[in-house]
């Protein structure tokens, strides 16, 4: 049954499809939602919320530390601290936008 007697190449296609399905299953790409180790849908929103919070807080903290360190080094007390906290907040918002922004539609022309 696996042999192609018509010469149309359907065995090669079937072989490729079966190997592709096997590789996807091996990687876990075709995992059904009812499997025990699949991520529940309600955890996805929690995960996004948690990641958004971490992105915002970490960006502001990095800006705060850089600003504080440069202020101590250059003896310009509040100026660089404020500047880098604002820059960290902007960077955090850009990272959050990248997380929650809709995926671009490749078929749509702008």
PDB file of N, CA and C in Angstrom:
ATOM      1  N   UNK A   1       0.793  -1.186   0.000  1.00  0.00           N
ATOM      2  CA  UNK A   1       0.000   0.000   0.000  1.00  0.00           C
ATOM      3  C   UNK A   1       0.846   1.266   0.000  1.00  0.00           C
ATOM      4  N   UNK A   2       2.048   1.184   0.551  1.00  0.00           N
ATOM      5  CA  UNK A   2       2.903   2.355   0.606  1.00  0.00           C
ATOM      6  C   UNK A   2       3.575   2.652  -0.727  1.00  0.00           C
ATOM      7  N   UNK A   3       3.573   1.680  -1.616  1.00  0.00           N
ATOM      8  CA  UNK A   3       4.239   1.890  -2.892  1.00  0.00           C
ATOM      9  C   UNK A   3       3.346   2.679  -3.830  1.00  0.00           C
ATOM     10  N   UNK A   4       3.964   3.531  -4.584  1.00  0.00           N
ATOM     11  CA  UNK A   4       3.249   4.349  -5.554  1.00  0.00           C
ATOM     12  C   UNK A   4       3.302   3.652  -6.902  1.00  0.00           C
ATOM     13  N   UNK A   5       2.163   3.082  -7.359  1.00  0.00           N
ATOM     14  CA  UNK A   5       2.125   2.371  -8.623  1.00  0.00           C
ATOM     15  C   UNK A   5       1.688   3.273  -9.770  1.00  0.00           C
ATOM     16  N   UNK A   6       1.151   4.458  -9.438  1.00  0.00           N
ATOM     17  CA  UNK A   6       0.669   5.342 -10.490  1.00  0.00           C
ATOM     18  C   UNK A   6       1.740   6.289 -10.975  1.00  0.00           C
ATOM     19  N   UNK A   7       2.793   6.488 -10.208  1.00  0.00           N
ATOM     20  CA  UNK A   7       3.875   7.375 -10.612  1.00  0.00           C
ATOM     21  C   UNK A   7       3.565   8.842 -10.387  1.00  0.00           C
ATOM     22  N   UNK A   8       2.550   9.154  -9.563  1.00  0.00           N
ATOM     23  CA  UNK A   8       2.169  10.557  -9.350  1.00  0.00           C
ATOM     24  C   UNK A   8       2.881  11.180  -8.163  1.00  0.00           C
ATOM     25  N   UNK A   9       3.555  10.397  -7.365  1.00  0.00           N
ATOM     26  CA  UNK A   9       4.291  10.949  -6.235  1.00  0.00           C
ATOM     27  C   UNK A   9       3.472  11.081  -4.968  1.00  0.00           C
ATOM     28  N   UNK A  10       2.324  10.421  -4.868  1.00  0.00           N
ATOM     29  CA  UNK A  10       1.496  10.538  -3.669  1.00  0.00           C
ATOM     30  C   UNK A  10       2.131   9.858  -2.473  1.00  0.00           C
ATOM     31  N   UNK A  11       2.955   8.854  -2.692  1.00  0.00           N
ATOM     32  CA  UNK A  11       3.628   8.202  -1.582  1.00  0.00           C
ATOM     33  C   UNK A  11       4.613   9.161  -0.924  1.00  0.00           C
ATOM     34  N   UNK A  12       5.304   9.930  -1.731  1.00  0.00           N
ATOM     35  CA  UNK A  12       6.234  10.901  -1.170  1.00  0.00           C
ATOM     36  C   UNK A  12       5.499  11.941  -0.344  1.00  0.00           C
ATOM     37  N   UNK A  13       4.348  12.393  -0.818  1.00  0.00           N
ATOM     38  CA  UNK A  13       3.550  13.358  -0.078  1.00  0.00           C
ATOM     39  C   UNK A  13       3.030  12.757   1.204  1.00  0.00           C
ATOM     40  N   UNK A  14       2.518  11.526   1.141  1.00  0.00           N
ATOM     41  CA  UNK A  14       2.019  10.867   2.339  1.00  0.00           C
ATOM     42  C   UNK A  14       3.142  10.630   3.335  1.00  0.00           C
ATOM     43  N   UNK A  15       4.304  10.262   2.825  1.00  0.00           N
ATOM     44  CA  UNK A  15       5.446  10.033   3.693  1.00  0.00           C
ATOM     45  C   UNK A  15       5.861  11.335   4.377  1.00  0.00           C
ATOM     46  N   UNK A  16       5.890  12.419   3.598  1.00  0.00           N
ATOM     47  CA  UNK A  16       6.259  13.707   4.175  1.00  0.00           C
ATOM     48  C   UNK A  16       5.249  14.146   5.222  1.00  0.00           C
ATOM     49  N   UNK A  17       3.951  13.990   4.900  1.00  0.00           N
ATOM     50  CA  UNK A  17       2.908  14.383   5.847  1.00  0.00           C
ATOM     51  C   UNK A  17       2.998  13.586   7.137  1.00  0.00           C
ATOM     52  N   UNK A  18       3.255  12.301   7.015  1.00  0.00           N
ATOM     53  CA  UNK A  18       3.340  11.477   8.218  1.00  0.00           C
ATOM     54  C   UNK A  18       4.581  11.833   9.040  1.00  0.00           C
ATOM     55  N   UNK A  19       5.706  12.110   8.357  1.00  0.00           N
ATOM     56  CA  UNK A  19       6.908  12.513   9.086  1.00  0.00           C
ATOM     57  C   UNK A  19       6.721  13.882   9.740  1.00  0.00           C
ATOM     58  N   UNK A  20       6.024  14.803   9.053  1.00  0.00           N
ATOM     59  CA  UNK A  20       5.754  16.114   9.620  1.00  0.00           C
ATOM     60  C   UNK A  20       4.854  16.003  10.844  1.00  0.00           C
ATOM     61  N   UNK A  21       3.810  15.194  10.754  1.00  0.00           N
ATOM     62  CA  UNK A  21       2.908  14.999  11.890  1.00  0.00           C
ATOM     63  C   UNK A  21       3.644  14.369  13.066  1.00  0.00           C
ATOM     64  N   UNK A  22       4.525  13.425  12.780  1.00  0.00           N
ATOM     65  CA  UNK A  22       5.300  12.780  13.837  1.00  0.00           C
ATOM     66  C   UNK A  22       6.252  13.776  14.520  1.00  0.00           C
ATOM     67  N   UNK A  23       6.893  14.627  13.724  1.00  0.00           N
ATOM     68  CA  UNK A  23       7.812  15.621  14.291  1.00  0.00           C
ATOM     69  C   UNK A  23       7.056  16.657  15.111  1.00  0.00           C
ATOM     70  N   UNK A  24       5.879  17.093  14.634  1.00  0.00           N
ATOM     71  CA  UNK A  24       5.082  18.074  15.385  1.00  0.00           C
ATOM     72  C   UNK A  24       4.605  17.471  16.699  1.00  0.00           C
ATOM     73  N   UNK A  25       4.198  16.203  16.677  1.00  0.00           N
ATOM     74  CA  UNK A  25       3.753  15.539  17.898  1.00  0.00           C
ATOM     75  C   UNK A  25       4.917  15.371  18.873  1.00  0.00           C
ATOM     76  N   UNK A  26       6.091  15.071  18.342  1.00  0.00           N
ATOM     77  CA  UNK A  26       7.269  14.891  19.180  1.00  0.00           C
ATOM     78  C   UNK A  26       7.649  16.193  19.888  1.00  0.00           C
ATOM     79  N   UNK A  27       7.506  17.324  19.178  1.00  0.00           N
ATOM     80  CA  UNK A  27       7.800  18.641  19.752  1.00  0.00           C
ATOM     81  C   UNK A  27       6.685  19.171  20.639  1.00  0.00           C
ATOM     82  N   UNK A  28       5.514  18.539  20.577  1.00  0.00           N
ATOM     83  CA  UNK A  28       4.390  18.989  21.380  1.00  0.00           C
ATOM     84  C   UNK A  28       3.613  20.124  20.747  1.00  0.00           C
ATOM     85  N   UNK A  29       3.723  20.302  19.436  1.00  0.00           N
ATOM     86  CA  UNK A  29       3.040  21.395  18.763  1.00  0.00           C
ATOM     87  C   UNK A  29       1.578  21.077  18.475  1.00  0.00           C
ATOM     88  N   UNK A  30       1.229  19.817  18.404  1.00  0.00           N
ATOM     89  CA  UNK A  30      -0.147  19.419  18.129  1.00  0.00           C
ATOM     90  C   UNK A  30      -0.811  18.833  19.360  1.00  0.00           C
ATOM     91  N   UNK A  31      -0.490  19.344  20.518  1.00  0.00           N
ATOM     92  CA  UNK A  31      -1.016  18.804  21.767  1.00  0.00           C
ATOM     93  C   UNK A  31      -2.470  19.244  21.949  1.00  0.00           C
ATOM     94  N   UNK A  32      -3.393  18.304  22.147  1.00  0.00           N
ATOM     95  CA  UNK A  32      -4.787  18.686  22.396  1.00  0.00           C
ATOM     96  C   UNK A  32      -4.938  19.396  23.738  1.00  0.00           C
ATOM     97  N   UNK A  33      -5.970  20.219  23.854  1.00  0.00           N
ATOM     98  CA  UNK A  33      -6.164  21.022  25.071  1.00  0.00           C
ATOM     99  C   UNK A  33      -6.565  20.179  26.269  1.00  0.00           C
ATOM    100  N   UNK A  34      -7.052  18.953  26.061  1.00  0.00           N
ATOM    101  CA  UNK A  34      -7.501  18.142  27.181  1.00  0.00           C
ATOM    102  C   UNK A  34      -6.384  17.324  27.822  1.00  0.00           C
ATOM    103  N   UNK A  35      -5.166  17.461  27.353  1.00  0.00           N
ATOM    104  CA  UNK A  35      -4.052  16.754  27.973  1.00  0.00           C
ATOM    105  C   UNK A  35      -3.713  17.416  29.307  1.00  0.00           C
ATOM    106  N   UNK A  36      -3.246  16.637  30.292  1.00  0.00           N
ATOM    107  CA  UNK A  36      -3.000  17.185  31.621  1.00  0.00           C
ATOM    108  C   UNK A  36      -1.890  18.234  31.683  1.00  0.00           C
ATOM    109  N   UNK A  37      -0.896  18.177  30.809  1.00  0.00           N
ATOM    110  CA  UNK A  37       0.186  19.152  30.878  1.00  0.00           C
ATOM    111  C   UNK A  37      -0.032  20.328  29.940  1.00  0.00           C
ATOM    112  N   UNK A  38      -1.206  20.430  29.323  1.00  0.00           N
ATOM    113  CA  UNK A  38      -1.523  21.587  28.485  1.00  0.00           C
ATOM    114  C   UNK A  38      -1.867  22.773  29.377  1.00  0.00           C
ATOM    115  N   UNK A  39      -1.549  23.968  28.937  1.00  0.00           N
ATOM    116  CA  UNK A  39      -1.812  25.174  29.721  1.00  0.00           C
ATOM    117  C   UNK A  39      -3.293  25.512  29.643  1.00  0.00           C
ATOM    118  N   UNK A  40      -3.964  25.686  30.789  1.00  0.00           N
ATOM    119  CA  UNK A  40      -5.375  26.066  30.758  1.00  0.00           C
ATOM    120  C   UNK A  40      -5.539  27.467  30.169  1.00  0.00           C
ATOM    121  N   UNK A  41      -6.693  27.717  29.577  1.00  0.00           N
ATOM    122  CA  UNK A  41      -6.904  29.017  28.932  1.00  0.00           C
ATOM    123  C   UNK A  41      -6.967  30.155  29.939  1.00  0.00           C
ATOM    124  N   UNK A  42      -7.454  29.921  31.149  1.00  0.00           N
ATOM    125  CA  UNK A  42      -7.528  30.997  32.128  1.00  0.00           C
ATOM    126  C   UNK A  42      -6.142  31.364  32.673  1.00  0.00           C
ATOM    127  N   UNK A  43      -5.156  30.491  32.560  1.00  0.00           N
ATOM    128  CA  UNK A  43      -3.802  30.822  32.998  1.00  0.00           C
ATOM    129  C   UNK A  43      -3.106  31.734  31.992  1.00  0.00           C
ATOM    130  N   UNK A  44      -3.551  31.733  30.778  1.00  0.00           N
ATOM    131  CA  UNK A  44      -2.921  32.564  29.769  1.00  0.00           C
ATOM    132  C   UNK A  44      -3.079  34.047  30.110  1.00  0.00           C
ATOM    133  N   UNK A  45      -4.255  34.461  30.544  1.00  0.00           N
ATOM    134  CA  UNK A  45      -4.477  35.856  30.922  1.00  0.00           C
ATOM    135  C   UNK A  45      -3.638  36.207  32.148  1.00  0.00           C
ATOM    136  N   UNK A  46      -3.571  35.300  33.100  1.00  0.00           N
ATOM    137  CA  UNK A  46      -2.755  35.540  34.291  1.00  0.00           C
ATOM    138  C   UNK A  46      -1.286  35.666  33.917  1.00  0.00           C
ATOM    139  N   UNK A  47      -0.829  34.836  33.024  1.00  0.00           N
ATOM    140  CA  UNK A  47       0.563  34.880  32.591  1.00  0.00           C
ATOM    141  C   UNK A  47       0.882  36.196  31.908  1.00  0.00           C
ATOM    142  N   UNK A  48      -0.011  36.658  31.045  1.00  0.00           N
ATOM    143  CA  UNK A  48       0.197  37.940  30.369  1.00  0.00           C
ATOM    144  C   UNK A  48       0.207  39.075  31.389  1.00  0.00           C
ATOM    145  N   UNK A  49      -0.735  39.063  32.327  1.00  0.00           N
ATOM    146  CA  UNK A  49      -0.796  40.091  33.362  1.00  0.00           C
ATOM    147  C   UNK A  49       0.482  40.101  34.201  1.00  0.00           C
ATOM    148  N   UNK A  50       0.958  38.932  34.577  1.00  0.00           N
ATOM    149  CA  UNK A  50       2.173  38.828  35.380  1.00  0.00           C
ATOM    150  C   UNK A  50       3.382  39.342  34.603  1.00  0.00           C
ATOM    151  N   UNK A  51       3.465  38.993  33.331  1.00  0.00           N
ATOM    152  CA  UNK A  51       4.591  39.440  32.514  1.00  0.00           C
ATOM    153  C   UNK A  51       4.569  40.947  32.296  1.00  0.00           C
ATOM    154  N   UNK A  52       3.373  41.514  32.098  1.00  0.00           N
ATOM    155  CA  UNK A  52       3.250  42.959  31.931  1.00  0.00           C
ATOM    156  C   UNK A  52       3.738  43.673  33.185  1.00  0.00           C
ATOM    157  N   UNK A  53       3.350  43.187  34.342  1.00  0.00           N
ATOM    158  CA  UNK A  53       3.794  43.794  35.594  1.00  0.00           C
ATOM    159  C   UNK A  53       5.297  43.712  35.773  1.00  0.00           C
ATOM    160  N   UNK A  54       5.855  42.565  35.479  1.00  0.00           N
ATOM    161  CA  UNK A  54       7.304  42.389  35.595  1.00  0.00           C
ATOM    162  C   UNK A  54       8.036  43.311  34.636  1.00  0.00           C
ATOM    163  N   UNK A  55       7.551  43.437  33.404  1.00  0.00           N
ATOM    164  CA  UNK A  55       8.196  44.309  32.413  1.00  0.00           C
ATOM    165  C   UNK A  55       8.197  45.760  32.888  1.00  0.00           C
ATOM    166  N   UNK A  56       7.071  46.234  33.378  1.00  0.00           N
ATOM    167  CA  UNK A  56       6.989  47.621  33.833  1.00  0.00           C
ATOM    168  C   UNK A  56       7.890  47.880  35.032  1.00  0.00           C
ATOM    169  N   UNK A  57       7.785  47.034  36.025  1.00  0.00           N
ATOM    170  CA  UNK A  57       8.557  47.236  37.248  1.00  0.00           C
ATOM    171  C   UNK A  57      10.054  47.117  36.985  1.00  0.00           C
ATOM    172  N   UNK A  58      10.452  46.129  36.211  1.00  0.00           N
ATOM    173  CA  UNK A  58      11.889  45.943  35.971  1.00  0.00           C
ATOM    174  C   UNK A  58      12.467  47.097  35.152  1.00  0.00           C
ATOM    175  N   UNK A  59      11.731  47.609  34.181  1.00  0.00           N
ATOM    176  CA  UNK A  59      12.242  48.722  33.376  1.00  0.00           C
ATOM    177  C   UNK A  59      12.408  49.979  34.230  1.00  0.00           C
ATOM    178  N   UNK A  60      11.445  50.245  35.098  1.00  0.00           N
ATOM    179  CA  UNK A  60      11.543  51.419  35.964  1.00  0.00           C
ATOM    180  C   UNK A  60      12.678  51.240  36.972  1.00  0.00           C
ATOM    181  N   UNK A  61      12.836  50.028  37.518  1.00  0.00           N
ATOM    182  CA  UNK A  61      13.927  49.792  38.470  1.00  0.00           C
ATOM    183  C   UNK A  61      15.300  49.931  37.819  1.00  0.00           C
ATOM    184  N   UNK A  62      15.443  49.443  36.605  1.00  0.00           N
ATOM    185  CA  UNK A  62      16.728  49.598  35.909  1.00  0.00           C
ATOM    186  C   UNK A  62      17.003  51.074  35.668  1.00  0.00           C
ATOM    187  N   UNK A  63      16.000  51.828  35.240  1.00  0.00           N
ATOM    188  CA  UNK A  63      16.165  53.263  35.051  1.00  0.00           C
ATOM    189  C   UNK A  63      16.514  53.968  36.355  1.00  0.00           C
ATOM    190  N   UNK A  64      15.867  53.560  37.437  1.00  0.00           N
ATOM    191  CA  UNK A  64      16.141  54.141  38.750  1.00  0.00           C
ATOM    192  C   UNK A  64      17.581  53.881  39.176  1.00  0.00           C
ATOM    193  N   UNK A  65      18.045  52.665  39.009  1.00  0.00           N
ATOM    194  CA  UNK A  65      19.417  52.335  39.407  1.00  0.00           C
ATOM    195  C   UNK A  65      20.458  53.052  38.543  1.00  0.00           C
ATOM    196  N   UNK A  66      20.214  53.123  37.251  1.00  0.00           N
ATOM    197  CA  UNK A  66      21.163  53.829  36.378  1.00  0.00           C
ATOM    198  C   UNK A  66      21.195  55.305  36.724  1.00  0.00           C
ATOM    199  N   UNK A  67      20.021  55.913  36.900  1.00  0.00           N
ATOM    200  CA  UNK A  67      19.958  57.327  37.248  1.00  0.00           C
ATOM    201  C   UNK A  67      20.607  57.628  38.585  1.00  0.00           C
ATOM    202  N   UNK A  68      20.353  56.790  39.572  1.00  0.00           N
ATOM    203  CA  UNK A  68      20.942  56.992  40.896  1.00  0.00           C
ATOM    204  C   UNK A  68      22.465  56.855  40.837  1.00  0.00           C
ATOM    205  N   UNK A  69      22.923  55.837  40.110  1.00  0.00           N
ATOM    206  CA  UNK A  69      24.369  55.629  40.001  1.00  0.00           C
ATOM    207  C   UNK A  69      25.065  56.775  39.286  1.00  0.00           C
ATOM    208  N   UNK A  70      24.472  57.256  38.211  1.00  0.00           N
ATOM    209  CA  UNK A  70      25.076  58.385  37.495  1.00  0.00           C
ATOM    210  C   UNK A  70      25.013  59.667  38.313  1.00  0.00           C
ATOM    211  N   UNK A  71      23.932  59.866  39.073  1.00  0.00           N
ATOM    212  CA  UNK A  71      23.846  61.048  39.941  1.00  0.00           C
ATOM    213  C   UNK A  71      24.928  61.021  41.010  1.00  0.00           C
ATOM    214  N   UNK A  72      25.163  59.875  41.587  1.00  0.00           N
ATOM    215  CA  UNK A  72      26.229  59.779  42.613  1.00  0.00           C
ATOM    216  C   UNK A  72      27.593  59.988  41.980  1.00  0.00           C
ATOM    217  N   UNK A  73      27.788  59.454  40.794  1.00  0.00           N
ATOM    218  CA  UNK A  73      29.074  59.549  40.125  1.00  0.00           C
ATOM    219  C   UNK A  73      29.356  60.984  39.663  1.00  0.00           C
ATOM    220  N   UNK A  74      28.356  61.659  39.135  1.00  0.00           N
ATOM    221  CA  UNK A  74      28.548  62.994  38.569  1.00  0.00           C
ATOM    222  C   UNK A  74      28.114  64.130  39.504  1.00  0.00           C
ATOM    223  N   UNK A  75      27.613  63.797  40.691  1.00  0.00           N
ATOM    224  CA  UNK A  75      27.172  64.770  41.700  1.00  0.00           C
ATOM    225  C   UNK A  75      26.101  65.701  41.149  1.00  0.00           C
ATOM    226  N   UNK A  76      25.135  65.150  40.455  1.00  0.00           N
ATOM    227  CA  UNK A  76      23.989  65.909  39.952  1.00  0.00           C
ATOM    228  C   UNK A  76      22.736  65.273  40.523  1.00  0.00           C
ATOM    229  N   UNK A  77      22.453  65.511  41.788  1.00  0.00           N
ATOM    230  CA  UNK A  77      21.467  64.761  42.551  1.00  0.00           C
ATOM    231  C   UNK A  77      20.168  64.384  41.849  1.00  0.00           C
ATOM    232  N   UNK A  78      19.185  65.181  41.660  1.00  0.00           N
ATOM    233  CA  UNK A  78      17.928  64.583  41.200  1.00  0.00           C
ATOM    234  C   UNK A  78      17.778  64.514  39.678  1.00  0.00           C
ATOM    235  N   UNK A  79      18.621  65.214  38.951  1.00  0.00           N
ATOM    236  CA  UNK A  79      18.389  65.372  37.517  1.00  0.00           C
ATOM    237  C   UNK A  79      18.414  64.039  36.755  1.00  0.00           C
ATOM    238  N   UNK A  80      19.501  63.300  36.842  1.00  0.00           N
ATOM    239  CA  UNK A  80      19.625  62.055  36.075  1.00  0.00           C
ATOM    240  C   UNK A  80      18.713  60.959  36.627  1.00  0.00           C
ATOM    241  N   UNK A  81      18.458  60.982  37.916  1.00  0.00           N
ATOM    242  CA  UNK A  81      17.540  60.012  38.509  1.00  0.00           C
ATOM    243  C   UNK A  81      16.155  60.163  37.894  1.00  0.00           C
ATOM    244  N   UNK A  82      15.662  61.379  37.839  1.00  0.00           N
ATOM    245  CA  UNK A  82      14.337  61.634  37.262  1.00  0.00           C
ATOM    246  C   UNK A  82      14.323  61.289  35.781  1.00  0.00           C
ATOM    247  N   UNK A  83      15.362  61.687  35.074  1.00  0.00           N
ATOM    248  CA  UNK A  83      15.439  61.428  33.643  1.00  0.00           C
ATOM    249  C   UNK A  83      15.395  59.931  33.344  1.00  0.00           C
ATOM    250  N   UNK A  84      16.179  59.143  34.057  1.00  0.00           N
ATOM    251  CA  UNK A  84      16.239  57.713  33.768  1.00  0.00           C
ATOM    252  C   UNK A  84      15.022  56.952  34.277  1.00  0.00           C
ATOM    253  N   UNK A  85      14.355  57.451  35.312  1.00  0.00           N
ATOM    254  CA  UNK A  85      13.099  56.822  35.731  1.00  0.00           C
ATOM    255  C   UNK A  85      12.043  57.027  34.651  1.00  0.00           C
ATOM    256  N   UNK A  86      12.005  58.235  34.070  1.00  0.00           N
ATOM    257  CA  UNK A  86      11.064  58.490  32.981  1.00  0.00           C
ATOM    258  C   UNK A  86      11.411  57.624  31.765  1.00  0.00           C
ATOM    259  N   UNK A  87      12.687  57.549  31.420  1.00  0.00           N
ATOM    260  CA  UNK A  87      13.100  56.702  30.290  1.00  0.00           C
ATOM    261  C   UNK A  87      12.791  55.226  30.556  1.00  0.00           C
ATOM    262  N   UNK A  88      12.979  54.774  31.779  1.00  0.00           N
ATOM    263  CA  UNK A  88      12.646  53.392  32.138  1.00  0.00           C
ATOM    264  C   UNK A  88      11.154  53.130  32.022  1.00  0.00           C
ATOM    265  N   UNK A  89      10.333  54.117  32.428  1.00  0.00           N
ATOM    266  CA  UNK A  89       8.886  53.979  32.286  1.00  0.00           C
ATOM    267  C   UNK A  89       8.477  53.893  30.832  1.00  0.00           C
ATOM    268  N   UNK A  90       9.101  54.707  29.991  1.00  0.00           N
ATOM    269  CA  UNK A  90       8.801  54.664  28.556  1.00  0.00           C
ATOM    270  C   UNK A  90       9.219  53.321  27.964  1.00  0.00           C
ATOM    271  N   UNK A  91      10.392  52.852  28.348  1.00  0.00           N
ATOM    272  CA  UNK A  91      10.856  51.550  27.851  1.00  0.00           C
ATOM    273  C   UNK A  91       9.927  50.426  28.311  1.00  0.00           C
ATOM    274  N   UNK A  92       9.441  50.511  29.543  1.00  0.00           N
ATOM    275  CA  UNK A  92       8.493  49.510  30.041  1.00  0.00           C
ATOM    276  C   UNK A  92       7.195  49.529  29.266  1.00  0.00           C
ATOM    277  N   UNK A  93       6.705  50.733  28.930  1.00  0.00           N
ATOM    278  CA  UNK A  93       5.470  50.833  28.152  1.00  0.00           C
ATOM    279  C   UNK A  93       5.655  50.278  26.741  1.00  0.00           C
ATOM    280  N   UNK A  94       6.819  50.513  26.142  1.00  0.00           N
ATOM    281  CA  UNK A  94       7.088  49.965  24.811  1.00  0.00           C
ATOM    282  C   UNK A  94       7.108  48.440  24.880  1.00  0.00           C
ATOM    283  N   UNK A  95       7.724  47.883  25.916  1.00  0.00           N
ATOM    284  CA  UNK A  95       7.755  46.425  26.066  1.00  0.00           C
ATOM    285  C   UNK A  95       6.354  45.864  26.276  1.00  0.00           C
ATOM    286  N   UNK A  96       5.533  46.555  27.064  1.00  0.00           N
ATOM    287  CA  UNK A  96       4.164  46.108  27.283  1.00  0.00           C
ATOM    288  C   UNK A  96       3.382  46.175  25.977  1.00  0.00           C
ATOM    289  N   UNK A  97       3.583  47.216  25.186  1.00  0.00           N
ATOM    290  CA  UNK A  97       2.890  47.315  23.907  1.00  0.00           C
ATOM    291  C   UNK A  97       3.270  46.153  22.990  1.00  0.00           C
ATOM    292  N   UNK A  98       4.527  45.762  23.018  1.00  0.00           N
ATOM    293  CA  UNK A  98       4.962  44.625  22.198  1.00  0.00           C
ATOM    294  C   UNK A  98       4.285  43.331  22.634  1.00  0.00           C
ATOM    295  N   UNK A  99       3.985  43.210  23.929  1.00  0.00           N
ATOM    296  CA  UNK A  99       3.345  41.998  24.442  1.00  0.00           C
ATOM    297  C   UNK A  99       1.874  41.957  24.047  1.00  0.00           C
ATOM    298  N   UNK A 100       1.161  43.069  24.216  1.00  0.00           N
ATOM    299  CA  UNK A 100      -0.291  43.056  24.057  1.00  0.00           C
ATOM    300  C   UNK A 100      -0.769  43.530  22.689  1.00  0.00           C
ATOM    301  N   UNK A 101       0.111  44.025  21.855  1.00  0.00           N
ATOM    302  CA  UNK A 101      -0.307  44.513  20.538  1.00  0.00           C
ATOM    303  C   UNK A 101      -0.751  43.355  19.659  1.00  0.00           C
ATOM    304  N   UNK A 102      -1.762  43.582  18.835  1.00  0.00           N
ATOM    305  CA  UNK A 102      -2.177  42.510  17.923  1.00  0.00           C
ATOM    306  C   UNK A 102      -1.101  42.217  16.898  1.00  0.00           C
ATOM    307  N   UNK A 103      -1.038  40.971  16.490  1.00  0.00           N
ATOM    308  CA  UNK A 103      -0.040  40.568  15.497  1.00  0.00           C
ATOM    309  C   UNK A 103      -0.358  41.230  14.162  1.00  0.00           C
ATOM    310  N   UNK A 104       0.658  41.656  13.441  1.00  0.00           N
ATOM    311  CA  UNK A 104       0.388  42.278  12.138  1.00  0.00           C
ATOM    312  C   UNK A 104      -0.171  41.258  11.157  1.00  0.00           C
ATOM    313  N   UNK A 105      -1.051  41.712  10.303  1.00  0.00           N
ATOM    314  CA  UNK A 105      -1.678  40.852   9.303  1.00  0.00           C
ATOM    315  C   UNK A 105      -0.830  40.932   8.034  1.00  0.00           C
ATOM    316  N   UNK A 106      -0.130  39.854   7.656  1.00  0.00           N
ATOM    317  CA  UNK A 106       0.758  39.934   6.495  1.00  0.00           C
ATOM    318  C   UNK A 106       0.017  40.134   5.177  1.00  0.00           C
ATOM    319  N   UNK A 107      -1.259  39.774   5.100  1.00  0.00           N
ATOM    320  CA  UNK A 107      -2.011  39.922   3.867  1.00  0.00           C
ATOM    321  C   UNK A 107      -2.558  41.320   3.670  1.00  0.00           C
ATOM    322  N   UNK A 108      -2.545  42.136   4.705  1.00  0.00           N
ATOM    323  CA  UNK A 108      -3.116  43.476   4.641  1.00  0.00           C
ATOM    324  C   UNK A 108      -2.100  44.458   4.100  1.00  0.00           C
ATOM    325  N   UNK A 109      -2.529  45.277   3.158  1.00  0.00           N
ATOM    326  CA  UNK A 109      -1.640  46.293   2.598  1.00  0.00           C
ATOM    327  C   UNK A 109      -1.899  47.619   3.292  1.00  0.00           C
ATOM    328  N   UNK A 110      -0.814  48.327   3.661  1.00  0.00           N
ATOM    329  CA  UNK A 110      -0.992  49.602   4.336  1.00  0.00           C
ATOM    330  C   UNK A 110      -0.922  50.754   3.387  1.00  0.00           C
TER     331      UNK A 110
END
